[in-house]
Amino acid sequence: MQIPKPSNALPEIKDTDFLGKHILIVDDEPINIMITSKMLVARKARISKANNGYELLHLLDEGLEPDLILLESLLPDQDGFEICRWDRQRRQR
C-alpha cells in the first residue's frame, strides 16, 4: 500500500529583508546569539544582544525599543514568560 502524498505542499520560502528593523536577541548561550545574529545581519537587520534577563531589562529601562525581541523562555536568572509579562505591563503605563 502506498502512502498518499499530502495535497498541500510546503509554502514557498521567500527571502525576507529586515532592512530598518532592530532585533534584540536574548539568550544565555553565546553560540545561539552568534548564529542568530549572523542570520539576521545577513538579512540586513540591526542587532542588539543580551545574555540574560537582567541585561534585557536594563536595556529596556535605558530606552532601547527594538522592533522584535527574540527571547529564550528558559533563562537561568529569570523566566522568559515573566519577562514578557513585565514588559507588557511596562508598555501599558
PDB file of N, CA and C in Angstrom:
ATOM      1  N   MET A   1       0.835  -1.174   0.000  1.00  0.00           N
ATOM      2  CA  MET A   1       0.000   0.000   0.000  1.00  0.00           C
ATOM      3  C   MET A   1       0.885   1.244   0.000  1.00  0.00           C
ATOM      4  N   GLN A   2       0.578   2.168  -0.881  1.00  0.00           N
ATOM      5  CA  GLN A   2       1.341   3.414  -0.946  1.00  0.00           C
ATOM      6  C   GLN A   2       0.705   4.464  -0.054  1.00  0.00           C
ATOM      7  N   ILE A   3       1.549   5.220   0.593  1.00  0.00           N
ATOM      8  CA  ILE A   3       1.067   6.327   1.422  1.00  0.00           C
ATOM      9  C   ILE A   3       0.864   7.523   0.509  1.00  0.00           C
ATOM     10  N   PRO A   4      -0.328   8.112   0.525  1.00  0.00           N
ATOM     11  CA  PRO A   4      -0.565   9.257  -0.365  1.00  0.00           C
ATOM     12  C   PRO A   4       0.247  10.468   0.083  1.00  0.00           C
ATOM     13  N   LYS A   5       0.666  11.232  -0.903  1.00  0.00           N
ATOM     14  CA  LYS A   5       1.399  12.459  -0.609  1.00  0.00           C
ATOM     15  C   LYS A   5       0.408  13.519  -0.154  1.00  0.00           C
ATOM     16  N   PRO A   6       0.816  14.354   0.780  1.00  0.00           N
ATOM     17  CA  PRO A   6      -0.081  15.426   1.215  1.00  0.00           C
ATOM     18  C   PRO A   6      -0.420  16.352   0.049  1.00  0.00           C
ATOM     19  N   SER A   7      -1.656  16.788   0.018  1.00  0.00           N
ATOM     20  CA  SER A   7      -2.088  17.636  -1.091  1.00  0.00           C
ATOM     21  C   SER A   7      -1.552  19.060  -0.980  1.00  0.00           C
ATOM     22  N   ASN A   8      -1.316  19.509   0.219  1.00  0.00           N
ATOM     23  CA  ASN A   8      -0.808  20.878   0.373  1.00  0.00           C
ATOM     24  C   ASN A   8       0.699  20.824   0.642  1.00  0.00           C
ATOM     25  N   ALA A   9       1.451  21.244  -0.341  1.00  0.00           N
ATOM     26  CA  ALA A   9       2.908  21.249  -0.227  1.00  0.00           C
ATOM     27  C   ALA A   9       3.341  22.348   0.734  1.00  0.00           C
ATOM     28  N   LEU A  10       4.588  22.297   1.121  1.00  0.00           N
ATOM     29  CA  LEU A  10       5.130  23.338   1.995  1.00  0.00           C
ATOM     30  C   LEU A  10       5.031  24.695   1.308  1.00  0.00           C
ATOM     31  N   PRO A  11       4.769  25.737   2.081  1.00  0.00           N
ATOM     32  CA  PRO A  11       4.687  27.063   1.465  1.00  0.00           C
ATOM     33  C   PRO A  11       6.041  27.474   0.899  1.00  0.00           C
ATOM     34  N   GLU A  12       5.990  28.281  -0.111  1.00  0.00           N
ATOM     35  CA  GLU A  12       7.215  28.777  -0.733  1.00  0.00           C
ATOM     36  C   GLU A  12       7.949  29.666   0.257  1.00  0.00           C
ATOM     37  N   ILE A  13       9.238  29.431   0.395  1.00  0.00           N
ATOM     38  CA  ILE A  13      10.049  30.251   1.286  1.00  0.00           C
ATOM     39  C   ILE A  13      10.546  31.449   0.494  1.00  0.00           C
ATOM     40  N   LYS A  14      10.256  32.631   0.996  1.00  0.00           N
ATOM     41  CA  LYS A  14      10.670  33.855   0.323  1.00  0.00           C
ATOM     42  C   LYS A  14      11.789  34.508   1.111  1.00  0.00           C
ATOM     43  N   ASP A  15      12.653  35.187   0.393  1.00  0.00           N
ATOM     44  CA  ASP A  15      13.703  35.949   1.060  1.00  0.00           C
ATOM     45  C   ASP A  15      13.063  37.072   1.857  1.00  0.00           C
ATOM     46  N   THR A  16      13.490  37.218   3.076  1.00  0.00           N
ATOM     47  CA  THR A  16      12.969  38.267   3.933  1.00  0.00           C
ATOM     48  C   THR A  16      14.062  39.288   4.164  1.00  0.00           C
ATOM     49  N   ASP A  17      13.717  40.532   3.983  1.00  0.00           N
ATOM     50  CA  ASP A  17      14.657  41.622   4.169  1.00  0.00           C
ATOM     51  C   ASP A  17      14.243  42.389   5.420  1.00  0.00           C
ATOM     52  N   PHE A  18      15.120  42.462   6.414  1.00  0.00           N
ATOM     53  CA  PHE A  18      14.828  43.145   7.664  1.00  0.00           C
ATOM     54  C   PHE A  18      15.447  44.535   7.706  1.00  0.00           C
ATOM     55  N   LEU A  19      15.696  45.135   6.561  1.00  0.00           N
ATOM     56  CA  LEU A  19      16.301  46.455   6.496  1.00  0.00           C
ATOM     57  C   LEU A  19      15.481  47.448   7.322  1.00  0.00           C
ATOM     58  N   GLY A  20      16.156  48.159   8.212  1.00  0.00           N
ATOM     59  CA  GLY A  20      15.475  49.145   9.050  1.00  0.00           C
ATOM     60  C   GLY A  20      14.862  48.567  10.309  1.00  0.00           C
ATOM     61  N   LYS A  21      14.937  47.260  10.506  1.00  0.00           N
ATOM     62  CA  LYS A  21      14.367  46.624  11.699  1.00  0.00           C
ATOM     63  C   LYS A  21      15.463  46.376  12.729  1.00  0.00           C
ATOM     64  N   HIS A  22      15.109  46.619  13.980  1.00  0.00           N
ATOM     65  CA  HIS A  22      16.034  46.427  15.094  1.00  0.00           C
ATOM     66  C   HIS A  22      15.550  45.225  15.890  1.00  0.00           C
ATOM     67  N   ILE A  23      16.395  44.206  15.997  1.00  0.00           N
ATOM     68  CA  ILE A  23      16.025  42.966  16.679  1.00  0.00           C
ATOM     69  C   ILE A  23      16.953  42.749  17.862  1.00  0.00           C
ATOM     70  N   LEU A  24      16.361  42.497  19.009  1.00  0.00           N
ATOM     71  CA  LEU A  24      17.101  42.226  20.247  1.00  0.00           C
ATOM     72  C   LEU A  24      17.069  40.719  20.494  1.00  0.00           C
ATOM     73  N   ILE A  25      18.247  40.117  20.602  1.00  0.00           N
ATOM     74  CA  ILE A  25      18.375  38.683  20.848  1.00  0.00           C
ATOM     75  C   ILE A  25      18.767  38.473  22.307  1.00  0.00           C
ATOM     76  N   VAL A  26      17.998  37.650  23.028  1.00  0.00           N
ATOM     77  CA  VAL A  26      18.280  37.383  24.440  1.00  0.00           C
ATOM     78  C   VAL A  26      18.450  35.877  24.611  1.00  0.00           C
ATOM     79  N   ASP A  27      19.667  35.474  24.956  1.00  0.00           N
ATOM     80  CA  ASP A  27      19.961  34.053  25.135  1.00  0.00           C
ATOM     81  C   ASP A  27      21.198  33.929  26.005  1.00  0.00           C
ATOM     82  N   ASP A  28      21.250  32.909  26.849  1.00  0.00           N
ATOM     83  CA  ASP A  28      22.414  32.714  27.710  1.00  0.00           C
ATOM     84  C   ASP A  28      23.483  31.848  27.042  1.00  0.00           C
ATOM     85  N   GLU A  29      23.207  31.342  25.858  1.00  0.00           N
ATOM     86  CA  GLU A  29      24.178  30.545  25.114  1.00  0.00           C
ATOM     87  C   GLU A  29      24.814  31.409  24.019  1.00  0.00           C
ATOM     88  N   PRO A  30      26.101  31.741  24.146  1.00  0.00           N
ATOM     89  CA  PRO A  30      26.751  32.613  23.165  1.00  0.00           C
ATOM     90  C   PRO A  30      26.665  32.098  21.729  1.00  0.00           C
ATOM     91  N   ILE A  31      26.727  30.783  21.541  1.00  0.00           N
ATOM     92  CA  ILE A  31      26.671  30.242  20.180  1.00  0.00           C
ATOM     93  C   ILE A  31      25.308  30.521  19.539  1.00  0.00           C
ATOM     94  N   ASN A  32      24.231  30.466  20.342  1.00  0.00           N
ATOM     95  CA  ASN A  32      22.899  30.771  19.811  1.00  0.00           C
ATOM     96  C   ASN A  32      22.810  32.232  19.381  1.00  0.00           C
ATOM     97  N   ILE A  33      23.364  33.115  20.191  1.00  0.00           N
ATOM     98  CA  ILE A  33      23.369  34.538  19.844  1.00  0.00           C
ATOM     99  C   ILE A  33      24.180  34.762  18.571  1.00  0.00           C
ATOM    100  N   MET A  34      25.341  34.110  18.476  1.00  0.00           N
ATOM    101  CA  MET A  34      26.196  34.302  17.312  1.00  0.00           C
ATOM    102  C   MET A  34      25.504  33.826  16.026  1.00  0.00           C
ATOM    103  N   ILE A  35      24.938  32.645  16.040  1.00  0.00           N
ATOM    104  CA  ILE A  35      24.299  32.099  14.840  1.00  0.00           C
ATOM    105  C   ILE A  35      23.088  32.937  14.444  1.00  0.00           C
ATOM    106  N   THR A  36      22.247  33.259  15.417  1.00  0.00           N
ATOM    107  CA  THR A  36      21.053  34.059  15.131  1.00  0.00           C
ATOM    108  C   THR A  36      21.440  35.437  14.600  1.00  0.00           C
ATOM    109  N   SER A  37      22.451  36.050  15.216  1.00  0.00           N
ATOM    110  CA  SER A  37      22.922  37.362  14.767  1.00  0.00           C
ATOM    111  C   SER A  37      23.389  37.320  13.322  1.00  0.00           C
ATOM    112  N   LYS A  38      24.191  36.321  12.992  1.00  0.00           N
ATOM    113  CA  LYS A  38      24.717  36.218  11.631  1.00  0.00           C
ATOM    114  C   LYS A  38      23.592  36.053  10.617  1.00  0.00           C
ATOM    115  N   MET A  39      22.602  35.247  10.956  1.00  0.00           N
ATOM    116  CA  MET A  39      21.483  35.048  10.025  1.00  0.00           C
ATOM    117  C   MET A  39      20.706  36.342   9.824  1.00  0.00           C
ATOM    118  N   LEU A  40      20.464  37.080  10.902  1.00  0.00           N
ATOM    119  CA  LEU A  40      19.672  38.305  10.798  1.00  0.00           C
ATOM    120  C   LEU A  40      20.449  39.449  10.161  1.00  0.00           C
ATOM    121  N   VAL A  41      21.744  39.553  10.463  1.00  0.00           N
ATOM    122  CA  VAL A  41      22.569  40.591   9.840  1.00  0.00           C
ATOM    123  C   VAL A  41      22.657  40.348   8.331  1.00  0.00           C
ATOM    124  N   ALA A  42      22.703  39.083   7.932  1.00  0.00           N
ATOM    125  CA  ALA A  42      22.716  38.766   6.505  1.00  0.00           C
ATOM    126  C   ALA A  42      21.430  39.237   5.821  1.00  0.00           C
ATOM    127  N   ARG A  43      20.365  39.387   6.610  1.00  0.00           N
ATOM    128  CA  ARG A  43      19.080  39.882   6.097  1.00  0.00           C
ATOM    129  C   ARG A  43      18.905  41.374   6.379  1.00  0.00           C
ATOM    130  N   LYS A  44      20.017  42.039   6.732  1.00  0.00           N
ATOM    131  CA  LYS A  44      20.088  43.490   6.893  1.00  0.00           C
ATOM    132  C   LYS A  44      19.431  44.021   8.163  1.00  0.00           C
ATOM    133  N   ALA A  45      19.265  43.177   9.175  1.00  0.00           N
ATOM    134  CA  ALA A  45      18.698  43.639  10.442  1.00  0.00           C
ATOM    135  C   ALA A  45      19.784  44.308  11.274  1.00  0.00           C
ATOM    136  N   ARG A  46      19.360  45.228  12.139  1.00  0.00           N
ATOM    137  CA  ARG A  46      20.237  45.833  13.140  1.00  0.00           C
ATOM    138  C   ARG A  46      20.018  45.023  14.412  1.00  0.00           C
ATOM    139  N   ILE A  47      21.086  44.614  15.067  1.00  0.00           N
ATOM    140  CA  ILE A  47      21.024  43.658  16.172  1.00  0.00           C
ATOM    141  C   ILE A  47      21.517  44.271  17.477  1.00  0.00           C
ATOM    142  N   SER A  48      20.803  43.956  18.566  1.00  0.00           N
ATOM    143  CA  SER A  48      21.297  44.179  19.922  1.00  0.00           C
ATOM    144  C   SER A  48      21.250  42.821  20.609  1.00  0.00           C
ATOM    145  N   LYS A  49      22.072  42.673  21.651  1.00  0.00           N
ATOM    146  CA  LYS A  49      22.174  41.371  22.324  1.00  0.00           C
ATOM    147  C   LYS A  49      22.120  41.541  23.827  1.00  0.00           C
ATOM    148  N   ALA A  50      21.525  40.557  24.488  1.00  0.00           N
ATOM    149  CA  ALA A  50      21.549  40.474  25.950  1.00  0.00           C
ATOM    150  C   ALA A  50      21.786  39.011  26.308  1.00  0.00           C
ATOM    151  N   ASN A  51      22.604  38.785  27.330  1.00  0.00           N
ATOM    152  CA  ASN A  51      22.949  37.421  27.731  1.00  0.00           C
ATOM    153  C   ASN A  51      22.027  36.842  28.787  1.00  0.00           C
ATOM    154  N   ASN A  52      21.196  37.696  29.381  1.00  0.00           N
ATOM    155  CA  ASN A  52      20.293  37.207  30.420  1.00  0.00           C
ATOM    156  C   ASN A  52      19.143  38.200  30.599  1.00  0.00           C
ATOM    157  N   GLY A  53      18.215  37.845  31.468  1.00  0.00           N
ATOM    158  CA  GLY A  53      17.047  38.686  31.693  1.00  0.00           C
ATOM    159  C   GLY A  53      17.380  40.034  32.292  1.00  0.00           C
ATOM    160  N   TYR A  54      18.366  40.075  33.171  1.00  0.00           N
ATOM    161  CA  TYR A  54      18.736  41.344  33.800  1.00  0.00           C
ATOM    162  C   TYR A  54      19.297  42.332  32.771  1.00  0.00           C
ATOM    163  N   GLU A  55      20.119  41.825  31.852  1.00  0.00           N
ATOM    164  CA  GLU A  55      20.631  42.694  30.786  1.00  0.00           C
ATOM    165  C   GLU A  55      19.487  43.199  29.909  1.00  0.00           C
ATOM    166  N   LEU A  56      18.558  42.319  29.594  1.00  0.00           N
ATOM    167  CA  LEU A  56      17.399  42.713  28.792  1.00  0.00           C
ATOM    168  C   LEU A  56      16.618  43.824  29.478  1.00  0.00           C
ATOM    169  N   LEU A  57      16.296  43.630  30.748  1.00  0.00           N
ATOM    170  CA  LEU A  57      15.518  44.636  31.482  1.00  0.00           C
ATOM    171  C   LEU A  57      16.272  45.948  31.574  1.00  0.00           C
ATOM    172  N   HIS A  58      17.586  45.884  31.761  1.00  0.00           N
ATOM    173  CA  HIS A  58      18.399  47.100  31.815  1.00  0.00           C
ATOM    174  C   HIS A  58      18.330  47.850  30.477  1.00  0.00           C
ATOM    175  N   LEU A  59      18.473  47.120  29.382  1.00  0.00           N
ATOM    176  CA  LEU A  59      18.419  47.757  28.061  1.00  0.00           C
ATOM    177  C   LEU A  59      17.055  48.417  27.826  1.00  0.00           C
ATOM    178  N   LEU A  60      15.995  47.732  28.209  1.00  0.00           N
ATOM    179  CA  LEU A  60      14.654  48.300  28.028  1.00  0.00           C
ATOM    180  C   LEU A  60      14.441  49.509  28.929  1.00  0.00           C
ATOM    181  N   ASP A  61      14.941  49.426  30.166  1.00  0.00           N
ATOM    182  CA  ASP A  61      14.832  50.569  31.077  1.00  0.00           C
ATOM    183  C   ASP A  61      15.621  51.771  30.587  1.00  0.00           C
ATOM    184  N   GLU A  62      16.717  51.515  29.880  1.00  0.00           N
ATOM    185  CA  GLU A  62      17.542  52.593  29.338  1.00  0.00           C
ATOM    186  C   GLU A  62      16.941  53.206  28.077  1.00  0.00           C
ATOM    187  N   GLY A  63      15.820  52.660  27.620  1.00  0.00           N
ATOM    188  CA  GLY A  63      15.125  53.252  26.481  1.00  0.00           C
ATOM    189  C   GLY A  63      15.250  52.513  25.167  1.00  0.00           C
ATOM    190  N   LEU A  64      15.916  51.364  25.153  1.00  0.00           N
ATOM    191  CA  LEU A  64      16.003  50.584  23.921  1.00  0.00           C
ATOM    192  C   LEU A  64      14.606  50.121  23.520  1.00  0.00           C
ATOM    193  N   GLU A  65      14.245  50.354  22.274  1.00  0.00           N
ATOM    194  CA  GLU A  65      12.915  49.963  21.781  1.00  0.00           C
ATOM    195  C   GLU A  65      13.066  49.184  20.476  1.00  0.00           C
ATOM    196  N   PRO A  66      13.394  47.886  20.583  1.00  0.00           N
ATOM    197  CA  PRO A  66      13.553  47.092  19.367  1.00  0.00           C
ATOM    198  C   PRO A  66      12.208  46.821  18.703  1.00  0.00           C
ATOM    199  N   ASP A  67      12.261  46.503  17.431  1.00  0.00           N
ATOM    200  CA  ASP A  67      11.048  46.114  16.714  1.00  0.00           C
ATOM    201  C   ASP A  67      10.610  44.704  17.095  1.00  0.00           C
ATOM    202  N   LEU A  68      11.579  43.876  17.486  1.00  0.00           N
ATOM    203  CA  LEU A  68      11.307  42.480  17.821  1.00  0.00           C
ATOM    204  C   LEU A  68      12.296  42.028  18.874  1.00  0.00           C
ATOM    205  N   ILE A  69      11.826  41.240  19.841  1.00  0.00           N
ATOM    206  CA  ILE A  69      12.715  40.633  20.834  1.00  0.00           C
ATOM    207  C   ILE A  69      12.623  39.126  20.664  1.00  0.00           C
ATOM    208  N   LEU A  70      13.771  38.497  20.370  1.00  0.00           N
ATOM    209  CA  LEU A  70      13.846  37.038  20.334  1.00  0.00           C
ATOM    210  C   LEU A  70      14.346  36.609  21.708  1.00  0.00           C
ATOM    211  N   LEU A  71      13.456  36.048  22.511  1.00  0.00           N
ATOM    212  CA  LEU A  71      13.721  35.804  23.924  1.00  0.00           C
ATOM    213  C   LEU A  71      13.654  34.316  24.238  1.00  0.00           C
ATOM    214  N   GLU A  72      14.752  33.794  24.752  1.00  0.00           N
ATOM    215  CA  GLU A  72      14.740  32.414  25.226  1.00  0.00           C
ATOM    216  C   GLU A  72      13.794  32.343  26.423  1.00  0.00           C
ATOM    217  N   SER A  73      12.977  31.311  26.480  1.00  0.00           N
ATOM    218  CA  SER A  73      11.999  31.228  27.566  1.00  0.00           C
ATOM    219  C   SER A  73      12.587  30.660  28.853  1.00  0.00           C
ATOM    220  N   LEU A  74      13.693  29.943  28.778  1.00  0.00           N
ATOM    221  CA  LEU A  74      14.266  29.307  29.959  1.00  0.00           C
ATOM    222  C   LEU A  74      15.624  29.901  30.319  1.00  0.00           C
ATOM    223  N   LEU A  75      15.627  31.177  30.622  1.00  0.00           N
ATOM    224  CA  LEU A  75      16.863  31.823  31.057  1.00  0.00           C
ATOM    225  C   LEU A  75      17.168  31.394  32.490  1.00  0.00           C
ATOM    226  N   PRO A  76      18.457  31.299  32.849  1.00  0.00           N
ATOM    227  CA  PRO A  76      18.797  30.828  34.191  1.00  0.00           C
ATOM    228  C   PRO A  76      18.437  31.814  35.302  1.00  0.00           C
ATOM    229  N   ASP A  77      18.419  33.111  35.003  1.00  0.00           N
ATOM    230  CA  ASP A  77      18.186  34.101  36.053  1.00  0.00           C
ATOM    231  C   ASP A  77      16.735  34.539  36.155  1.00  0.00           C
ATOM    232  N   GLN A  78      16.008  34.488  35.059  1.00  0.00           N
ATOM    233  CA  GLN A  78      14.610  34.895  35.063  1.00  0.00           C
ATOM    234  C   GLN A  78      13.853  34.091  34.031  1.00  0.00           C
ATOM    235  N   ASP A  79      12.597  33.845  34.308  1.00  0.00           N
ATOM    236  CA  ASP A  79      11.728  33.135  33.388  1.00  0.00           C
ATOM    237  C   ASP A  79      11.348  34.060  32.236  1.00  0.00           C
ATOM    238  N   GLY A  80      11.550  33.615  31.001  1.00  0.00           N
ATOM    239  CA  GLY A  80      11.231  34.432  29.836  1.00  0.00           C
ATOM    240  C   GLY A  80       9.778  34.864  29.787  1.00  0.00           C
ATOM    241  N   PHE A  81       8.886  34.014  30.262  1.00  0.00           N
ATOM    242  CA  PHE A  81       7.460  34.357  30.268  1.00  0.00           C
ATOM    243  C   PHE A  81       7.178  35.489  31.251  1.00  0.00           C
ATOM    244  N   GLU A  82       7.860  35.456  32.390  1.00  0.00           N
ATOM    245  CA  GLU A  82       7.704  36.536  33.372  1.00  0.00           C
ATOM    246  C   GLU A  82       8.233  37.855  32.815  1.00  0.00           C
ATOM    247  N   ILE A  83       9.325  37.796  32.073  1.00  0.00           N
ATOM    248  CA  ILE A  83       9.864  38.999  31.436  1.00  0.00           C
ATOM    249  C   ILE A  83       8.849  39.568  30.448  1.00  0.00           C
ATOM    250  N   CYS A  84       8.198  38.696  29.697  1.00  0.00           N
ATOM    251  CA  CYS A  84       7.167  39.160  28.742  1.00  0.00           C
ATOM    252  C   CYS A  84       6.021  39.848  29.472  1.00  0.00           C
ATOM    253  N   ARG A  85       5.596  39.273  30.588  1.00  0.00           N
ATOM    254  CA  ARG A  85       4.514  39.895  31.369  1.00  0.00           C
ATOM    255  C   ARG A  85       4.944  41.268  31.888  1.00  0.00           C
ATOM    256  N   TRP A  86       6.171  41.349  32.406  1.00  0.00           N
ATOM    257  CA  TRP A  86       6.677  42.622  32.913  1.00  0.00           C
ATOM    258  C   TRP A  86       6.721  43.661  31.792  1.00  0.00           C
ATOM    259  N   ASP A  87       7.227  43.266  30.622  1.00  0.00           N
ATOM    260  CA  ASP A  87       7.347  44.212  29.507  1.00  0.00           C
ATOM    261  C   ASP A  87       5.966  44.671  29.041  1.00  0.00           C
ATOM    262  N   ARG A  88       5.009  43.779  29.007  1.00  0.00           N
ATOM    263  CA  ARG A  88       3.650  44.158  28.607  1.00  0.00           C
ATOM    264  C   ARG A  88       3.075  45.195  29.589  1.00  0.00           C
ATOM    265  N   GLN A  89       3.272  44.975  30.882  1.00  0.00           N
ATOM    266  CA  GLN A  89       2.794  45.937  31.882  1.00  0.00           C
ATOM    267  C   GLN A  89       3.519  47.270  31.727  1.00  0.00           C
ATOM    268  N   ARG A  90       4.821  47.213  31.464  1.00  0.00           N
ATOM    269  CA  ARG A  90       5.620  48.431  31.302  1.00  0.00           C
ATOM    270  C   ARG A  90       5.110  49.244  30.112  1.00  0.00           C
ATOM    271  N   ARG A  91       4.782  48.579  29.032  1.00  0.00           N
ATOM    272  CA  ARG A  91       4.310  49.280  27.830  1.00  0.00           C
ATOM    273  C   ARG A  91       2.918  49.875  27.993  1.00  0.00           C
ATOM    274  N   GLN A  92       2.129  49.337  28.917  1.00  0.00           N
ATOM    275  CA  GLN A  92       0.767  49.837  29.125  1.00  0.00           C
ATOM    276  C   GLN A  92       0.740  51.081  29.998  1.00  0.00           C
ATOM    277  N   ARG A  93       1.845  51.418  30.637  1.00  0.00           N
ATOM    278  CA  ARG A  93       1.897  52.598  31.501  1.00  0.00           C
ATOM    279  C   ARG A  93       1.856  53.871  30.712  1.00  0.00           C
TER     280      ARG A  93
END
